[in-house]
Amino acid sequence: MSYTLHPLKKQRLQRSELAVPGSNPTMIEKAAESDVDYIFLDLEDAVAPPDKIQARSNIIQALNDIDWKAKGKTMSIRINGLDTHYMYRDVVEIVEQAGQHLDTILVPKVGVPGDLYAVETMVSQIETAMGFSHQIGLEALIETALGMANVEAIAATPGRLEALHFGVADYAASNRARTVVIGGLNPDYPGDQWHFALSRMTVACRAFGLRAIDGPFGDFNDPDGYILSARRAAALGIEGKWAIHPSQIALANEVFSPPEAEVTRAHRIIEELKKAEAEGRGAASLDGKMIDAASERMARNVLTVADAIAAQ
């Protein structure tokens, strides 16, 4: 191992993340009763410009009126972009009036580390002024060519940053990619056209102690397509995926939850390696396969998720 290590900044269960328009109070109420791990109340793409101000008020009321913690939900908001005149009021009004119930802020279309610095400065000032007892985290959406070109520098941003999300729709538009459905595969491409982007973002996350989250799959009438997309992401080390429809929540929870057999094997790996260590051996055999220190690290990753699910 390098002497330079960046441990995970914040462990949160984020297998499924439901996107909910802030302009629709009924959908917000329904989200509270769902089985989703994480919710972001949206002020950006899901809200039309004439509804932006009302959406802010809806979100403030919902954060204050619903006991999200009692319902086992981690709460976030997606603010409008830094290139809009809505963003600063999103941060000021919601954090001042309901920040005590907010876990993170999702910043869209992050292109350079300075984008996060701008939001962090505002949030820090408001928290100090309001006397909050907890720190609101930041999450960044990597969804432009500029953001992906700078993803390592963005991931290395000090401070509140906890996670990166891959925003496939805007990323496709930014790259002028030919797509057939948001998050889906173009049959003309030999394989998964999003593999490189997801892999690069995930490596940046793991290098700098961040959670890696996959974004939307647009066709909510195609559960098989969603599952395949989620499985490909999980294979790369992604730990959760957006749900743009309630029907996708259970699919994400299933894919990103370690199966019981995998949890059992993780415990066995750790037990066998303890025995090997007591006997002066650095490696051991389990079910006819070699296991070593790397196997233990992978096993503990599995158990961390299993423990978080059990705690929820």
Protein backbone atom coordinates (compact mmCIF):
# COMPACT_ATOMS: atom_id res chain seq x y z
CA MET A 1 0.00 0.00 0.00
CA SER A 2 1.05 3.56 -0.63
CA TYR A 3 1.72 5.67 2.43
CA THR A 4 -0.86 8.08 0.98
CA LEU A 5 -4.31 6.72 1.78
CA HIS A 6 -7.75 8.33 1.62
CA PRO A 7 -10.19 6.40 3.81
CA LEU A 8 -13.90 6.50 3.06
CA LYS A 9 -15.17 9.92 4.07
CA LYS A 10 -18.70 8.90 4.99
CA GLN A 11 -20.41 5.50 5.02
CA ARG A 12 -24.05 5.69 3.96
CA LEU A 13 -26.40 3.01 2.67
CA GLN A 14 -27.17 4.19 -0.86
CA ARG A 15 -28.26 1.11 -2.82
CA SER A 16 -31.28 2.93 -4.22
CA GLU A 17 -31.78 6.67 -4.66
CA LEU A 18 -35.17 7.98 -5.67
CA ALA A 19 -35.37 11.16 -7.73
CA VAL A 20 -38.46 13.14 -6.68
CA PRO A 21 -39.56 16.42 -8.30
CA GLY A 22 -39.79 19.16 -5.72
CA SER A 23 -42.77 20.53 -7.61
CA ASN A 24 -44.93 17.51 -6.74
CA PRO A 25 -45.87 17.28 -3.02
CA THR A 26 -47.86 14.08 -3.57
CA MET A 27 -44.82 12.29 -4.96
CA ILE A 28 -42.73 13.55 -2.03
CA GLU A 29 -45.22 12.08 0.45
CA LYS A 30 -45.27 8.75 -1.40
CA ALA A 31 -41.46 8.64 -1.44
CA ALA A 32 -41.43 8.84 2.35
CA GLU A 33 -43.37 5.57 2.54
CA SER A 34 -41.22 3.70 0.01
CA ASP A 35 -38.41 1.21 0.67
CA VAL A 36 -35.75 3.44 -0.86
CA ASP A 37 -32.50 4.13 1.02
CA TYR A 38 -31.87 7.63 -0.27
CA ILE A 39 -34.04 10.40 -1.68
CA PHE A 40 -33.08 13.54 -3.52
CA LEU A 41 -35.76 16.18 -3.85
CA ASP A 42 -35.12 17.77 -7.20
CA LEU A 43 -35.01 21.45 -8.06
CA GLU A 44 -33.16 21.05 -11.34
CA ASP A 45 -34.10 19.10 -14.47
CA ALA A 46 -37.37 17.64 -13.15
CA VAL A 47 -38.78 21.09 -12.36
CA ALA A 48 -39.89 23.53 -15.05
CA PRO A 49 -38.64 27.14 -14.67
CA PRO A 50 -42.06 28.57 -13.70
CA ASP A 51 -42.25 26.03 -10.84
CA LYS A 52 -38.76 26.51 -9.36
CA ILE A 53 -39.76 28.90 -6.58
CA GLN A 54 -42.77 26.84 -5.49
CA ALA A 55 -40.62 23.69 -5.56
CA ARG A 56 -38.28 25.29 -3.02
CA SER A 57 -41.19 25.98 -0.70
CA ASN A 58 -42.52 22.44 -1.13
CA ILE A 59 -39.13 20.97 -0.25
CA ILE A 60 -38.71 23.15 2.82
CA GLN A 61 -42.15 22.13 4.07
CA ALA A 62 -41.54 18.43 3.36
CA LEU A 63 -38.15 18.38 5.08
CA ASN A 64 -39.64 20.01 8.16
CA ASP A 65 -42.98 18.19 8.31
CA ILE A 66 -41.99 14.57 7.60
CA ASP A 67 -39.85 12.58 10.05
CA TRP A 68 -37.47 11.21 7.43
CA LYS A 69 -35.06 9.71 9.95
CA ALA A 70 -37.84 7.68 11.56
CA LYS A 71 -38.65 6.34 8.11
CA GLY A 72 -35.03 5.32 7.55
CA LYS A 73 -34.37 7.80 4.75
CA THR A 74 -31.21 9.74 3.92
CA MET A 75 -32.27 13.08 2.48
CA SER A 76 -30.67 15.15 -0.23
CA ILE A 77 -31.64 17.94 -2.59
CA ARG A 78 -30.43 18.50 -6.12
CA ILE A 79 -29.92 22.22 -6.53
CA ASN A 80 -29.94 24.05 -9.83
CA GLY A 81 -26.67 24.51 -11.71
CA LEU A 82 -24.09 27.13 -10.88
CA ASP A 83 -24.74 28.68 -14.28
CA THR A 84 -28.31 29.59 -13.30
CA HIS A 85 -29.75 32.36 -11.16
CA TYR A 86 -31.75 29.82 -9.15
CA MET A 87 -28.83 28.08 -7.43
CA TYR A 88 -27.92 30.58 -4.72
CA ARG A 89 -31.53 30.89 -3.55
CA ASP A 90 -31.86 27.09 -3.52
CA VAL A 91 -28.94 26.85 -1.12
CA VAL A 92 -29.76 29.86 1.05
CA GLU A 93 -33.49 29.27 1.49
CA ILE A 94 -33.48 25.50 1.95
CA VAL A 95 -30.39 25.26 4.16
CA GLU A 96 -31.47 28.18 6.34
CA GLN A 97 -35.06 26.98 6.75
CA ALA A 98 -34.66 23.19 6.72
CA GLY A 99 -30.95 22.40 6.78
CA GLN A 100 -31.23 20.60 10.10
CA HIS A 101 -33.10 17.83 8.25
CA LEU A 102 -30.79 17.69 5.24
CA ASP A 103 -28.01 15.12 4.89
CA THR A 104 -26.42 16.13 1.58
CA ILE A 105 -26.67 18.50 -1.36
CA LEU A 106 -26.27 17.09 -4.87
CA VAL A 107 -24.50 19.57 -7.14
CA PRO A 108 -25.29 19.05 -10.85
CA LYS A 109 -22.94 19.31 -13.83
CA VAL A 110 -19.80 19.76 -11.78
CA GLY A 111 -16.99 20.59 -14.18
CA VAL A 112 -14.12 21.77 -12.00
CA PRO A 113 -13.27 21.58 -8.27
CA GLY A 114 -14.12 25.26 -7.90
CA ASP A 115 -17.78 24.48 -8.51
CA LEU A 116 -17.86 22.54 -5.26
CA TYR A 117 -15.83 25.19 -3.45
CA ALA A 118 -18.47 27.77 -4.32
CA VAL A 119 -21.29 25.67 -2.83
CA GLU A 120 -19.23 24.63 0.19
CA THR A 121 -18.46 28.24 1.04
CA MET A 122 -22.15 29.13 1.09
CA VAL A 123 -23.16 26.06 3.10
CA SER A 124 -20.39 26.63 5.67
CA GLN A 125 -21.48 30.20 6.27
CA ILE A 126 -25.13 29.25 6.66
CA GLU A 127 -24.36 26.37 9.03
CA THR A 128 -22.31 28.68 11.25
CA ALA A 129 -24.98 31.38 11.22
CA MET A 130 -27.75 28.90 12.01
CA GLY A 131 -25.77 26.99 14.65
CA PHE A 132 -26.39 23.57 13.12
CA SER A 133 -25.03 20.62 15.07
CA HIS A 134 -24.32 18.49 12.00
CA GLN A 135 -22.43 19.02 8.77
CA ILE A 136 -24.27 18.77 5.46
CA GLY A 137 -22.34 16.72 2.91
CA LEU A 138 -21.89 17.44 -0.78
CA GLU A 139 -22.27 15.06 -3.71
CA ALA A 140 -21.23 15.85 -7.27
CA LEU A 141 -22.87 14.84 -10.52
CA ILE A 142 -20.33 13.97 -13.20
CA GLU A 143 -22.41 14.47 -16.32
CA THR A 144 -20.39 16.55 -18.75
CA ALA A 145 -17.28 16.03 -20.82
CA LEU A 146 -15.55 18.69 -18.70
CA GLY A 147 -16.52 16.94 -15.48
CA MET A 148 -15.20 13.59 -16.69
CA ALA A 149 -12.00 15.19 -17.97
CA ASN A 150 -11.46 16.61 -14.45
CA VAL A 151 -12.98 13.77 -12.43
CA GLU A 152 -9.81 12.93 -10.49
CA ALA A 153 -9.30 16.56 -9.48
CA ILE A 154 -12.97 16.84 -8.51
CA ALA A 155 -12.77 13.65 -6.43
CA ALA A 156 -9.73 15.06 -4.62
CA THR A 157 -11.66 18.17 -3.54
CA PRO A 158 -11.21 18.57 0.23
CA GLY A 159 -14.07 19.22 2.60
CA ARG A 160 -17.65 18.01 2.42
CA LEU A 161 -17.58 15.94 -0.76
CA GLU A 162 -18.85 12.39 -0.07
CA ALA A 163 -19.89 10.87 -3.40
CA LEU A 164 -19.82 11.15 -7.17
CA HIS A 165 -22.82 10.24 -9.36
CA PHE A 166 -22.72 9.41 -13.06
CA GLY A 167 -25.36 11.41 -14.92
CA VAL A 168 -25.63 9.45 -18.13
CA ALA A 169 -28.22 11.59 -19.95
CA ASP A 170 -26.39 14.91 -19.85
CA TYR A 171 -23.08 13.09 -20.28
CA ALA A 172 -24.38 11.59 -23.52
CA ALA A 173 -25.55 15.01 -24.68
CA SER A 174 -22.26 16.64 -23.73
CA ASN A 175 -20.35 14.04 -25.75
CA ARG A 176 -22.88 14.08 -28.62
CA ALA A 177 -23.26 10.35 -28.12
CA ARG A 178 -25.91 8.44 -30.00
CA THR A 179 -28.28 6.85 -27.51
CA VAL A 180 -31.59 5.02 -27.73
CA VAL A 181 -32.74 5.38 -24.11
CA ILE A 182 -31.31 7.13 -21.06
CA GLY A 183 -28.75 4.73 -19.60
CA GLY A 184 -29.46 2.12 -22.25
CA LEU A 185 -27.05 0.63 -24.76
CA ASN A 186 -26.70 1.56 -28.41
CA PRO A 187 -26.78 -1.69 -30.41
CA ASP A 188 -24.17 -0.25 -32.80
CA TYR A 189 -21.61 -0.13 -29.97
CA PRO A 190 -19.76 -3.43 -29.31
CA GLY A 191 -20.42 -3.69 -25.59
CA ASP A 192 -21.29 -1.17 -22.88
CA GLN A 193 -20.67 2.35 -24.15
CA TRP A 194 -20.79 3.72 -20.56
CA HIS A 195 -18.16 1.32 -19.20
CA PHE A 196 -15.19 3.66 -19.54
CA ALA A 197 -16.94 6.60 -17.91
CA LEU A 198 -18.33 4.56 -15.02
CA SER A 199 -15.01 2.83 -14.45
CA ARG A 200 -13.02 6.06 -14.49
CA MET A 201 -15.40 7.74 -12.07
CA THR A 202 -15.39 4.73 -9.76
CA VAL A 203 -11.59 4.59 -9.65
CA ALA A 204 -11.51 8.30 -8.78
CA CYS A 205 -14.04 7.70 -6.00
CA ARG A 206 -12.13 4.80 -4.47
CA ALA A 207 -8.81 6.63 -4.72
CA PHE A 208 -10.14 9.57 -2.70
CA GLY A 209 -12.57 7.95 -0.28
CA LEU A 210 -15.89 8.68 -1.98
CA ARG A 211 -19.01 6.63 -2.66
CA ALA A 212 -19.67 5.84 -6.33
CA ILE A 213 -23.29 5.98 -7.53
CA ASP A 214 -24.78 5.23 -10.94
CA GLY A 215 -27.49 7.47 -12.34
CA PRO A 216 -30.78 6.88 -14.14
CA PHE A 217 -32.12 4.23 -16.45
CA GLY A 218 -34.85 5.97 -18.40
CA ASP A 219 -37.17 3.14 -19.47
CA PHE A 220 -39.05 2.25 -16.28
CA ASN A 221 -41.09 -0.26 -18.29
CA ASP A 222 -37.95 -2.32 -18.86
CA PRO A 223 -37.01 -3.88 -15.50
CA ASP A 224 -34.69 -6.39 -17.15
CA GLY A 225 -32.75 -3.58 -18.80
CA TYR A 226 -32.50 -1.77 -15.47
CA ILE A 227 -31.23 -4.87 -13.70
CA LEU A 228 -28.60 -5.54 -16.35
CA SER A 229 -27.43 -1.92 -16.15
CA ALA A 230 -27.26 -2.09 -12.36
CA ARG A 231 -25.35 -5.37 -12.42
CA ARG A 232 -22.77 -3.98 -14.82
CA ALA A 233 -22.30 -1.00 -12.52
CA ALA A 234 -22.05 -3.22 -9.42
CA ALA A 235 -19.40 -5.33 -11.14
CA LEU A 236 -17.23 -2.21 -11.43
CA GLY A 237 -17.60 -1.31 -7.75
CA ILE A 238 -20.57 1.06 -7.91
CA GLU A 239 -22.61 0.79 -4.70
CA GLY A 240 -26.01 2.14 -5.75
CA LYS A 241 -28.20 3.43 -8.56
CA TRP A 242 -30.91 6.01 -9.08
CA ALA A 243 -34.56 5.12 -9.36
CA ILE A 244 -36.61 7.51 -11.48
CA HIS A 245 -39.76 5.49 -10.78
CA PRO A 246 -40.82 3.67 -7.59
CA SER A 247 -40.83 0.36 -9.47
CA GLN A 248 -37.04 0.59 -9.79
CA ILE A 249 -36.41 0.81 -6.03
CA ALA A 250 -36.73 -2.91 -5.31
CA LEU A 251 -34.57 -3.72 -8.34
CA ALA A 252 -31.74 -1.51 -7.09
CA ASN A 253 -32.00 -2.78 -3.53
CA GLU A 254 -31.75 -6.35 -4.75
CA VAL A 255 -28.78 -5.85 -7.07
CA PHE A 256 -26.73 -3.81 -4.61
CA SER A 257 -27.43 -6.03 -1.57
CA PRO A 258 -24.94 -8.85 -1.08
CA PRO A 259 -26.68 -12.27 -1.29
CA GLU A 260 -26.77 -14.35 1.88
CA ALA A 261 -24.34 -16.85 0.38
CA GLU A 262 -21.87 -14.04 -0.33
CA VAL A 263 -22.14 -12.77 3.25
CA THR A 264 -21.62 -16.28 4.62
CA ARG A 265 -18.56 -16.76 2.43
CA ALA A 266 -17.16 -13.39 3.58
CA HIS A 267 -17.38 -14.53 7.21
CA ARG A 268 -15.70 -17.82 6.30
CA ILE A 269 -12.85 -16.02 4.52
CA ILE A 270 -12.11 -13.94 7.58
CA GLU A 271 -12.28 -16.97 9.88
CA GLU A 272 -9.94 -19.04 7.69
CA LEU A 273 -7.42 -16.24 7.42
CA LYS A 274 -7.42 -15.81 11.21
CA LYS A 275 -6.58 -19.49 11.53
CA ALA A 276 -3.84 -19.15 8.92
CA GLU A 277 -2.35 -16.16 10.73
CA ALA A 278 -2.29 -18.09 14.00
CA GLU A 279 -0.33 -20.80 12.19
CA GLY A 280 2.12 -18.33 10.70
CA ARG A 281 0.70 -18.43 7.16
CA GLY A 282 -0.22 -15.38 5.07
CA ALA A 283 -2.58 -17.25 2.78
CA ALA A 284 -5.14 -20.03 3.15
CA SER A 285 -7.44 -22.21 1.08
CA LEU A 286 -11.23 -22.06 1.04
CA ASP A 287 -13.33 -24.39 -1.10
CA GLY A 288 -10.27 -25.27 -3.14
CA LYS A 289 -9.31 -21.65 -3.87
CA MET A 290 -6.51 -19.52 -2.46
CA ILE A 291 -7.44 -16.60 -0.22
CA ASP A 292 -5.14 -13.93 1.18
CA ALA A 293 -5.11 -10.38 2.56
CA ALA A 294 -6.79 -9.03 -0.59
CA SER A 295 -9.55 -11.60 -0.12
CA GLU A 296 -10.08 -10.31 3.41
CA ARG A 297 -10.40 -6.71 2.20
CA MET A 298 -13.02 -7.76 -0.36
CA ALA A 299 -14.85 -9.78 2.30
CA ARG A 300 -14.95 -6.83 4.66
CA ASN A 301 -16.44 -4.68 1.89
CA VAL A 302 -19.29 -7.17 1.65
CA LEU A 303 -19.80 -7.23 5.41
CA THR A 304 -19.83 -3.44 5.64
CA VAL A 305 -22.83 -3.30 3.29
CA ALA A 306 -24.54 -6.24 5.02
CA ASP A 307 -24.12 -4.58 8.41
CA ALA A 308 -25.51 -1.28 7.10
CA ILE A 309 -28.57 -3.06 5.71
CA ALA A 310 -29.09 -4.88 9.00
CA ALA A 311 -28.77 -1.62 10.96
CA GLN A 312 -31.40 0.04 8.79
